[in-house]
Amino acid sequence: MNFRAVDDHVSVEFRFAFVNRSDQFSSQRQHRPRQTPSCSGRAMSTPQANAPERRTMNLSKHPQTTARILLIFFVAFLVLNGQLYIGSTIAGTRPRRHDSTANLRSVRSYADLIWEECAQIINLGLPDIGDAGRIWLKHAFVGTNVDPSDKFIKPEKPDVTARDKYKCRCQIPEVHAGRQPRLTAIVQSFNHHANIANISTALKRSSVIEEIVISEDGSTDGSLHDWQSSLPDPSHFIIRSNNLHELRSYNRAMRMASGDFVVLLQDDDLLPMSDEWVQNALRLFEALPELGVLGGYIGQLWDHATGVGYEYGEQTSTHGGLRKGNTQPLPFIEPTTGLPFMYAECVWIAPVFVRRSLLRRAGGLELTIAKRGEPGVWQDCVLSYEAWVNGFSVGAYSAKFERGVGGHGSATSSLKVKQRERVYERAMAYTNRKFPRRRIHDSIVAMNNQTLEPRRFPA
């Protein structure tokens, strides 16, 4: 529309151009004069020259232009895809194929590999699997915990030959000795430097313990220096952390362990100079192939109708230095070895022996029961229940340590005692929620009565 206002000296033109969208892309370049009302109300025509020129293009009549556009898009796609391909290769996040991995092409990611495929990769010795794959293989044996079934079923043939079947383990150990160690001793250390000489001497004198890993958790009494002086052998290791406490420290140490078995120890226990306690433990593992966890202190059973717990062991329990327990002697004998022994729902640290294949399946110690810096109260019991629901058994025998030497660090003040109680309640709630404890108890009672011999005590 054109509106003209005429003044004596000024003429102002207001022009509004309305574009008809319906014929914007029409192939006919025709612009009809538009009839617009003037200020006087009469219709007047807008000159053709005043209309804005509109050009349209029909791609069907310009094949060269169409081909150029498609070529530009195709080149851009190739460039972008090439950048991603090269970038993932440099970063090591793209697992590149190898002729010998043709049967693994259906696997979506290395994190989804099952143990047989993991073992196959290591046996083939593929160097070109990408950094992401190497990291997973290195830490695979401490994977996620396995959710238990809603009812406890003891397998007829537990997986006790994983090492013989797979001919490897998914963590490639760095062995500094002439052969694979059978047993790795792991010591949790925190401000008990006076006990280091006894512990290190006893461990080194053992003919079975071929690897020692010290988890030094931020001691301030010179323990780190004492451990370094006591264990100069390259087959032994010291891990330094800053007050992580047992759960996380033990898991880190178990990642470094190369033995078929690991034994968890604490620095407030004095060890006997004879390694009979180690030899007896290995004899029980040989006699009981399904045995996954073996404790040398206390084994515990519960009356789940009343919630009362019963303790069994050759030494009286101290409950973390808080009180004396009503501990009963081990009531059974393992017939093959003739050693006092019983199956238990839970065994107490220390020592606690763990079979390597159980660590693969159960995933190490459960971290959710205690925060960083909190004591790992009931960590041993949670691991025991994990063993039961993963097809292994748990037993108690006698390892005569001198316990609580130098005091229990988690019971040195009322504040720490309250912290212990909070962690214990949290761990109990986790255990009651996750594990079928009553079914496990019933199965253990049957195993003790049917597979073990009653122990005869002098009158």
Protein backbone atom coordinates (compact mmCIF):
# COMPACT_ATOMS: atom_id res chain seq x y z
CA MET A 1 0.00 0.00 0.00
CA ASN A 2 1.14 3.51 -0.84
CA PHE A 3 -0.02 6.43 1.25
CA ARG A 4 0.96 9.91 0.14
CA ALA A 5 0.61 12.88 2.40
CA VAL A 6 1.25 16.17 0.68
CA ASP A 7 2.41 19.16 2.67
CA ASP A 8 3.48 22.62 1.59
CA HIS A 9 7.15 21.74 1.89
CA VAL A 10 7.38 18.02 2.72
CA SER A 11 6.12 14.93 0.94
CA VAL A 12 6.28 11.77 2.93
CA GLU A 13 5.78 8.39 1.32
CA PHE A 14 4.89 5.34 3.35
CA ARG A 15 5.39 2.18 1.40
CA PHE A 16 4.52 -1.32 2.55
CA ALA A 17 5.27 -4.22 0.29
CA PHE A 18 3.29 -7.37 0.92
CA VAL A 19 4.75 -10.47 -0.63
CA ASN A 20 2.40 -13.15 -1.74
CA ARG A 21 3.83 -16.40 -0.32
CA SER A 22 1.74 -18.63 -2.49
CA ASP A 23 3.70 -17.80 -5.64
CA GLN A 24 7.14 -17.32 -4.03
CA PHE A 25 8.60 -20.42 -5.64
CA SER A 26 6.51 -20.31 -8.82
CA SER A 27 8.39 -20.99 -11.98
CA GLN A 28 6.61 -18.07 -13.74
CA ARG A 29 8.22 -14.72 -13.15
CA GLN A 30 5.04 -12.68 -13.34
CA HIS A 31 4.12 -9.88 -10.98
CA ARG A 32 0.69 -8.52 -11.52
CA PRO A 33 0.01 -4.87 -10.65
CA ARG A 34 -1.73 -4.72 -7.32
CA GLN A 35 -4.82 -2.59 -6.72
CA THR A 36 -4.37 -0.59 -3.57
CA PRO A 37 -6.65 2.04 -2.11
CA SER A 38 -5.45 5.58 -2.02
CA CYS A 39 -6.09 8.16 0.67
CA SER A 40 -9.11 9.30 -1.25
CA GLY A 41 -10.63 5.84 -1.25
CA ARG A 42 -10.12 5.27 -5.01
CA ALA A 43 -8.27 2.26 -6.24
CA MET A 44 -4.89 2.96 -7.76
CA SER A 45 -2.39 0.61 -9.33
CA THR A 46 1.15 0.07 -8.02
CA PRO A 47 3.70 0.42 -10.83
CA GLN A 48 5.53 -2.79 -11.78
CA ALA A 49 8.83 -1.09 -11.21
CA ASN A 50 8.03 -0.45 -7.57
CA ALA A 51 7.44 -4.15 -6.74
CA PRO A 52 10.40 -5.94 -5.21
CA GLU A 53 12.06 -8.32 -7.62
CA ARG A 54 11.68 -11.96 -6.54
CA ARG A 55 13.76 -14.70 -8.04
CA THR A 56 13.14 -18.41 -7.67
CA MET A 57 15.14 -21.38 -8.79
CA ASN A 58 13.84 -24.68 -9.98
CA LEU A 59 16.53 -27.26 -9.15
CA SER A 60 15.20 -29.61 -11.80
CA LYS A 61 16.24 -27.09 -14.43
CA HIS A 62 19.75 -26.72 -12.89
CA PRO A 63 21.24 -30.23 -12.59
CA GLN A 64 24.80 -28.91 -12.27
CA THR A 65 23.91 -26.87 -9.18
CA THR A 66 22.14 -29.84 -7.62
CA ALA A 67 25.18 -32.05 -8.16
CA ARG A 68 27.45 -29.44 -6.59
CA ILE A 69 25.30 -29.22 -3.46
CA LEU A 70 25.24 -32.99 -3.04
CA LEU A 71 28.99 -33.15 -3.56
CA ILE A 72 29.56 -30.53 -0.85
CA PHE A 73 27.46 -32.50 1.66
CA PHE A 74 29.27 -35.75 0.79
CA VAL A 75 32.72 -34.20 1.22
CA ALA A 76 31.70 -32.66 4.56
CA PHE A 77 30.47 -36.05 5.79
CA LEU A 78 33.76 -37.72 4.83
CA VAL A 79 35.82 -35.04 6.57
CA LEU A 80 33.78 -35.21 9.78
CA ASN A 81 33.84 -39.01 9.90
CA GLY A 82 37.58 -39.05 9.26
CA GLN A 83 38.23 -36.64 12.12
CA LEU A 84 36.26 -38.81 14.55
CA TYR A 85 38.01 -41.95 13.31
CA ILE A 86 41.48 -40.43 13.65
CA GLY A 87 40.66 -38.81 17.01
CA SER A 88 39.40 -42.05 18.54
CA THR A 89 42.46 -43.87 17.25
CA ILE A 90 44.84 -41.37 18.83
CA ALA A 91 42.92 -41.40 22.11
CA GLY A 92 42.99 -45.18 22.18
CA THR A 93 39.23 -45.43 22.71
CA ARG A 94 38.51 -47.28 19.48
CA PRO A 95 39.25 -51.00 19.87
CA ARG A 96 40.76 -51.88 16.51
CA ARG A 97 40.00 -55.22 14.95
CA HIS A 98 42.43 -58.05 14.60
CA ASP A 99 42.12 -61.18 12.54
CA SER A 100 42.31 -63.37 15.66
CA THR A 101 39.34 -61.60 17.29
CA ALA A 102 36.82 -62.48 14.61
CA ASN A 103 34.76 -64.49 17.09
CA LEU A 104 34.55 -61.46 19.41
CA ARG A 105 33.06 -59.03 16.91
CA SER A 106 29.59 -59.48 18.30
CA VAL A 107 30.70 -58.17 21.69
CA ARG A 108 29.54 -54.58 22.11
CA SER A 109 32.34 -53.37 24.40
CA TYR A 110 35.26 -54.73 26.37
CA ALA A 111 33.36 -54.05 29.58
CA ASP A 112 30.82 -56.68 28.46
CA LEU A 113 33.38 -59.45 27.97
CA ILE A 114 32.79 -62.61 29.94
CA TRP A 115 35.67 -64.40 31.57
CA GLU A 116 36.22 -66.91 28.79
CA GLU A 117 36.63 -64.15 26.20
CA CYS A 118 38.84 -62.17 28.55
CA ALA A 119 41.08 -65.19 28.95
CA GLN A 120 41.14 -65.73 25.20
CA ILE A 121 42.31 -62.19 24.57
CA ILE A 122 45.14 -62.53 27.06
CA ASN A 123 46.17 -65.92 25.68
CA LEU A 124 46.33 -64.51 22.18
CA GLY A 125 48.52 -61.73 23.47
CA LEU A 126 46.90 -59.00 21.42
CA PRO A 127 48.87 -55.77 21.90
CA ASP A 128 46.43 -53.64 19.92
CA ILE A 129 43.22 -53.54 21.94
CA GLY A 130 43.20 -49.85 22.87
CA ASP A 131 43.83 -48.15 26.19
CA ALA A 132 40.26 -48.59 27.33
CA GLY A 133 40.51 -52.34 26.84
CA ARG A 134 43.82 -52.57 28.69
CA ILE A 135 42.46 -50.64 31.67
CA TRP A 136 39.44 -52.93 31.86
CA LEU A 137 41.55 -56.07 31.63
CA LYS A 138 43.89 -54.79 34.33
CA HIS A 139 41.13 -54.21 36.87
CA ALA A 140 38.58 -56.76 35.68
CA PHE A 141 38.93 -59.12 38.61
CA VAL A 142 37.46 -56.54 40.98
CA GLY A 143 34.29 -55.93 39.02
CA THR A 144 30.80 -55.27 40.32
CA ASN A 145 29.19 -57.37 43.01
CA VAL A 146 26.86 -60.13 41.92
CA ASP A 147 23.26 -59.79 43.02
CA PRO A 148 22.20 -62.93 44.87
CA SER A 149 19.12 -64.90 43.93
CA ASP A 150 16.02 -64.73 46.09
CA LYS A 151 16.73 -68.18 47.45
CA PHE A 152 19.96 -69.85 48.45
CA ILE A 153 21.00 -72.73 46.25
CA LYS A 154 24.31 -74.51 46.72
CA PRO A 155 25.67 -75.57 43.30
CA GLU A 156 26.49 -79.22 42.81
CA LYS A 157 29.78 -78.45 41.07
CA PRO A 158 31.13 -75.06 42.14
CA ASP A 159 33.58 -73.27 39.88
CA VAL A 160 36.79 -74.36 41.58
CA THR A 161 38.94 -74.83 38.49
CA ALA A 162 38.75 -71.37 36.97
CA ARG A 163 42.52 -71.07 36.75
CA ASP A 164 42.90 -74.53 35.16
CA LYS A 165 40.01 -73.91 32.77
CA TYR A 166 41.01 -70.46 31.54
CA LYS A 167 44.78 -70.95 31.85
CA CYS A 168 45.17 -67.33 32.92
CA ARG A 169 43.59 -64.67 35.06
CA CYS A 170 42.16 -61.48 33.75
CA GLN A 171 44.62 -59.41 35.69
CA ILE A 172 48.05 -60.02 34.22
CA PRO A 173 50.23 -60.13 37.35
CA GLU A 174 53.64 -58.53 37.49
CA VAL A 175 55.63 -61.34 39.04
CA HIS A 176 59.16 -60.56 40.17
CA ALA A 177 59.99 -64.10 41.28
CA GLY A 178 60.87 -67.18 39.28
CA ARG A 179 57.29 -68.49 39.39
CA GLN A 180 53.76 -67.50 40.24
CA PRO A 181 53.32 -66.95 44.01
CA ARG A 182 50.78 -69.17 45.66
CA LEU A 183 49.97 -66.91 48.60
CA THR A 184 50.08 -63.13 49.02
CA ALA A 185 50.00 -61.61 52.50
CA ILE A 186 48.35 -58.17 52.80
CA VAL A 187 48.87 -56.12 55.96
CA GLN A 188 46.76 -53.10 56.85
CA SER A 189 49.09 -50.66 58.64
CA PHE A 190 48.27 -47.62 60.74
CA ASN A 191 50.37 -46.34 63.68
CA HIS A 192 51.61 -49.65 65.11
CA HIS A 193 55.30 -49.35 64.27
CA ALA A 194 56.26 -51.35 67.39
CA ASN A 195 54.72 -54.48 65.81
CA ILE A 196 56.40 -54.17 62.42
CA ALA A 197 59.54 -56.13 63.33
CA ASN A 198 57.49 -59.12 64.51
CA ILE A 199 55.09 -59.11 61.55
CA SER A 200 57.72 -58.67 58.85
CA THR A 201 60.01 -61.32 60.36
CA ALA A 202 57.22 -63.88 60.69
CA LEU A 203 56.02 -63.31 57.13
CA LYS A 204 59.50 -63.53 55.63
CA ARG A 205 60.28 -66.74 57.52
CA SER A 206 57.27 -68.51 56.00
CA SER A 207 58.11 -70.88 53.16
CA VAL A 208 54.67 -70.38 51.61
CA ILE A 209 54.22 -66.59 51.65
CA GLU A 210 56.13 -65.44 48.57
CA GLU A 211 54.64 -61.97 48.17
CA ILE A 212 53.88 -59.28 50.78
CA VAL A 213 51.83 -56.14 50.17
CA ILE A 214 51.72 -53.50 52.90
CA SER A 215 48.84 -51.03 52.81
CA GLU A 216 50.33 -48.10 54.74
CA ASP A 217 47.32 -45.86 55.41
CA GLY A 218 48.89 -42.60 56.52
CA SER A 219 50.72 -43.51 59.73
CA THR A 220 52.36 -40.66 61.63
CA ASP A 221 54.65 -42.77 63.85
CA GLY A 222 57.30 -43.68 61.29
CA SER A 223 55.69 -46.94 60.18
CA LEU A 224 56.35 -46.23 56.51
CA HIS A 225 60.11 -46.01 57.08
CA ASP A 226 60.09 -49.16 59.20
CA TRP A 227 58.26 -51.14 56.53
CA GLN A 228 60.67 -49.96 53.86
CA SER A 229 63.62 -51.06 55.99
CA SER A 230 62.05 -54.41 56.86
CA LEU A 231 60.92 -55.43 53.34
CA PRO A 232 63.66 -54.55 50.81
CA ASP A 233 62.93 -57.53 48.55
CA PRO A 234 61.53 -56.60 45.09
CA SER A 235 58.80 -59.22 45.50
CA HIS A 236 57.23 -57.12 48.28
CA PHE A 237 55.30 -53.88 47.87
CA ILE A 238 54.22 -50.91 49.98
CA ILE A 239 51.14 -48.88 49.04
CA ARG A 240 50.85 -45.41 50.57
CA SER A 241 47.42 -43.85 51.15
CA ASN A 242 45.96 -41.12 53.34
CA ASN A 243 43.59 -42.59 55.93
CA LEU A 244 41.30 -44.45 53.54
CA HIS A 245 40.72 -47.21 56.14
CA GLU A 246 40.41 -50.94 55.54
CA LEU A 247 37.82 -51.32 52.78
CA ARG A 248 39.47 -49.18 50.15
CA SER A 249 43.00 -49.97 51.25
CA TYR A 250 42.46 -53.72 51.13
CA ASN A 251 40.84 -53.49 47.69
CA ARG A 252 43.81 -51.53 46.35
CA ALA A 253 46.22 -54.05 47.80
CA MET A 254 44.29 -57.01 46.39
CA ARG A 255 44.58 -55.47 42.92
CA MET A 256 48.35 -55.76 43.26
CA ALA A 257 48.35 -59.29 44.65
CA SER A 258 49.51 -62.07 42.34
CA GLY A 259 48.94 -65.14 44.52
CA ASP A 260 46.30 -67.80 44.07
CA PHE A 261 45.24 -66.94 47.63
CA VAL A 262 45.46 -63.73 49.63
CA VAL A 263 45.48 -63.46 53.42
CA LEU A 264 44.30 -60.23 55.03
CA LEU A 265 46.19 -59.21 58.18
CA GLN A 266 46.23 -56.24 60.55
CA ASP A 267 49.13 -54.52 62.26
CA ASP A 268 47.73 -54.81 65.80
CA ASP A 269 48.20 -58.62 65.76
CA LEU A 270 51.47 -60.39 66.52
CA LEU A 271 52.12 -63.48 64.38
CA PRO A 272 53.71 -66.73 65.58
CA MET A 273 57.20 -67.36 64.23
CA SER A 274 56.12 -70.78 62.99
CA ASP A 275 54.12 -70.74 59.75
CA GLU A 276 51.93 -73.65 60.88
CA TRP A 277 48.91 -71.34 60.74
CA VAL A 278 49.58 -70.79 57.02
CA GLN A 279 50.28 -74.43 56.25
CA ASN A 280 47.07 -75.53 57.99
CA ALA A 281 45.03 -73.00 56.02
CA LEU A 282 46.37 -74.26 52.69
CA ARG A 283 45.71 -77.85 53.74
CA LEU A 284 42.06 -76.96 54.33
CA PHE A 285 41.81 -75.23 50.94
CA GLU A 286 43.19 -78.35 49.27
CA ALA A 287 40.82 -80.64 51.13
CA LEU A 288 37.78 -78.40 50.49
CA PRO A 289 37.84 -77.16 46.87
CA GLU A 290 34.65 -75.15 47.37
CA LEU A 291 36.13 -73.21 50.31
CA GLY A 292 36.34 -69.53 49.37
CA VAL A 293 36.94 -67.74 52.69
CA LEU A 294 38.77 -69.11 55.72
CA GLY A 295 39.03 -67.20 58.99
CA GLY A 296 41.54 -67.94 61.72
CA TYR A 297 39.87 -66.02 64.54
CA ILE A 298 36.10 -66.30 65.08
CA GLY A 299 33.33 -68.05 63.15
CA GLN A 300 29.79 -66.93 63.79
CA LEU A 301 26.30 -68.42 63.47
CA TRP A 302 22.97 -66.78 64.29
CA ASP A 303 19.67 -67.97 65.63
CA HIS A 304 17.58 -66.03 63.14
CA ALA A 305 14.39 -66.61 65.08
CA THR A 306 15.73 -64.65 68.06
CA GLY A 307 18.56 -62.67 66.42
CA VAL A 308 21.14 -64.05 68.87
CA GLY A 309 24.63 -64.64 67.50
CA TYR A 310 26.97 -67.45 68.61
CA GLU A 311 30.77 -67.21 68.37
CA TYR A 312 33.12 -70.14 67.78
CA GLY A 313 36.90 -70.11 67.95
CA GLU A 314 39.95 -71.20 69.88
CA GLN A 315 40.56 -67.67 71.24
CA THR A 316 38.12 -65.45 73.10
CA SER A 317 36.82 -62.60 70.98
CA THR A 318 37.26 -58.97 72.05
CA HIS A 319 34.73 -57.28 69.72
CA GLY A 320 37.25 -54.74 68.53
CA GLY A 321 38.67 -54.22 72.01
CA LEU A 322 35.29 -53.18 73.43
CA ARG A 323 34.28 -56.30 75.42
CA LYS A 324 34.95 -59.98 75.90
CA GLY A 325 32.73 -62.31 73.93
CA ASN A 326 31.20 -65.63 74.95
CA THR A 327 33.31 -67.67 72.54
CA GLN A 328 32.84 -71.43 72.30
CA PRO A 329 35.49 -73.88 70.96
CA LEU A 330 35.19 -75.08 67.37
CA PRO A 331 32.83 -78.07 67.65
CA PHE A 332 33.88 -80.07 64.55
CA ILE A 333 36.89 -81.70 62.91
CA GLU A 334 37.60 -81.63 59.18
CA PRO A 335 38.08 -85.37 58.47
CA THR A 336 40.75 -85.12 55.75
CA THR A 337 43.14 -82.87 57.65
CA GLY A 338 42.09 -83.68 61.21
CA LEU A 339 42.03 -79.95 62.04
CA PRO A 340 39.41 -78.21 64.22
CA PHE A 341 37.10 -76.57 61.70
CA MET A 342 33.51 -75.58 61.06
CA TYR A 343 31.45 -73.89 58.37
CA ALA A 344 30.17 -70.48 59.48
CA GLU A 345 27.96 -67.72 58.21
CA CYS A 346 30.68 -65.19 58.91
CA VAL A 347 34.36 -65.22 59.90
CA TRP A 348 36.23 -62.39 61.57
CA ILE A 349 39.47 -60.80 60.57
CA ALA A 350 42.35 -61.58 61.09
CA PRO A 351 43.64 -63.64 59.45
CA VAL A 352 41.15 -64.08 56.63
CA PHE A 353 42.24 -66.14 53.61
CA VAL A 354 40.43 -65.52 50.30
CA ARG A 355 40.57 -67.62 47.15
CA ARG A 356 41.40 -65.66 43.99
CA SER A 357 38.44 -67.00 42.00
CA LEU A 358 36.10 -65.63 44.66
CA LEU A 359 37.61 -62.16 44.27
CA ARG A 360 36.88 -62.35 40.56
CA ARG A 361 33.27 -63.25 41.12
CA ALA A 362 32.36 -61.24 44.21
CA GLY A 363 34.30 -58.09 43.32
CA GLY A 364 36.35 -57.49 46.45
CA LEU A 365 35.10 -55.80 49.61
CA GLU A 366 31.81 -53.91 49.55
CA LEU A 367 32.48 -50.16 49.68
CA THR A 368 28.97 -48.90 50.41
CA ILE A 369 28.94 -50.04 54.03
CA ALA A 370 31.58 -47.51 55.14
CA LYS A 371 32.61 -44.11 53.87
CA ARG A 372 36.19 -43.09 53.29
CA GLY A 373 37.86 -42.64 56.66
CA GLU A 374 35.37 -44.86 58.51
CA PRO A 375 36.38 -48.23 60.02
CA GLY A 376 35.47 -51.30 58.00
CA VAL A 377 33.30 -52.86 60.70
CA TRP A 378 31.70 -56.13 59.49
CA GLN A 379 33.59 -56.03 56.20
CA ASP A 380 34.62 -59.64 56.82
CA CYS A 381 31.02 -60.76 57.37
CA VAL A 382 29.77 -59.06 54.20
CA LEU A 383 32.54 -60.79 52.24
CA SER A 384 31.53 -64.10 53.86
CA TYR A 385 27.93 -63.77 52.73
CA GLU A 386 29.12 -62.78 49.25
CA ALA A 387 31.06 -66.05 49.16
CA TRP A 388 28.01 -68.12 50.10
CA VAL A 389 25.73 -66.63 47.44
CA ASN A 390 28.46 -66.95 44.80
CA GLY A 391 28.82 -70.71 45.18
CA PHE A 392 31.68 -70.85 47.71
CA SER A 393 31.75 -71.90 51.35
CA VAL A 394 33.11 -70.10 54.42
CA GLY A 395 34.90 -71.77 57.31
CA ALA A 396 36.71 -71.07 60.57
CA TYR A 397 39.85 -72.66 61.97
CA SER A 398 42.44 -71.63 64.56
CA ALA A 399 45.39 -69.30 63.97
CA LYS A 400 46.83 -68.41 67.35
CA PHE A 401 47.77 -64.74 67.06
CA GLU A 402 48.39 -62.34 69.90
CA ARG A 403 45.65 -59.83 69.23
CA GLY A 404 45.05 -56.18 69.97
CA VAL A 405 48.72 -55.38 70.65
CA GLY A 406 49.04 -51.60 70.88
CA GLY A 407 45.28 -51.11 71.03
CA HIS A 408 42.48 -51.13 68.48
CA GLY A 409 42.60 -47.82 66.64
CA SER A 410 38.85 -47.65 66.07
CA ALA A 411 38.07 -47.99 69.80
CA THR A 412 40.43 -45.40 71.31
CA SER A 413 37.74 -42.77 72.02
CA SER A 414 34.01 -42.50 72.59
CA LEU A 415 33.63 -40.68 69.27
CA LYS A 416 35.28 -43.54 67.39
CA VAL A 417 33.17 -46.09 69.24
CA LYS A 418 30.00 -44.30 68.12
CA GLN A 419 31.36 -44.23 64.59
CA ARG A 420 31.91 -47.99 64.79
CA GLU A 421 28.31 -48.48 65.89
CA ARG A 422 26.98 -46.42 62.95
CA VAL A 423 29.02 -48.41 60.44
CA TYR A 424 27.94 -51.68 62.08
CA GLU A 425 24.25 -50.75 61.84
CA ARG A 426 24.70 -49.74 58.20
CA ALA A 427 26.49 -52.99 57.37
CA MET A 428 23.86 -55.09 59.16
CA ALA A 429 21.06 -53.35 57.26
CA TYR A 430 22.89 -53.97 53.98
CA THR A 431 23.40 -57.64 54.84
CA ASN A 432 19.80 -58.22 55.90
CA ARG A 433 18.55 -56.53 52.74
CA LYS A 434 20.77 -58.33 50.24
CA PHE A 435 21.40 -61.85 51.50
CA PRO A 436 19.04 -64.76 52.34
CA ARG A 437 20.65 -65.22 55.74
CA ARG A 438 18.23 -67.79 57.16
CA ARG A 439 18.55 -70.11 54.16
CA ILE A 440 22.33 -69.78 54.32
CA HIS A 441 22.22 -70.64 58.02
CA ASP A 442 20.12 -73.76 57.44
CA SER A 443 22.47 -74.96 54.71
CA ILE A 444 25.51 -74.43 56.95
CA VAL A 445 24.01 -76.40 59.82
CA ALA A 446 23.35 -79.29 57.44
CA MET A 447 26.91 -79.13 56.03
CA ASN A 448 28.46 -79.18 59.50
CA ASN A 449 26.41 -82.16 60.61
CA GLN A 450 26.75 -84.18 57.39
CA THR A 451 30.33 -83.52 56.21
CA LEU A 452 32.32 -82.89 59.42
CA GLU A 453 33.10 -85.04 62.41
CA PRO A 454 32.09 -84.02 65.96
CA ARG A 455 35.02 -82.89 68.04
CA ARG A 456 35.69 -84.80 71.24
CA PHE A 457 36.64 -82.69 74.26
CA PRO A 458 38.30 -84.04 77.40
CA ALA A 459 35.96 -84.46 80.32
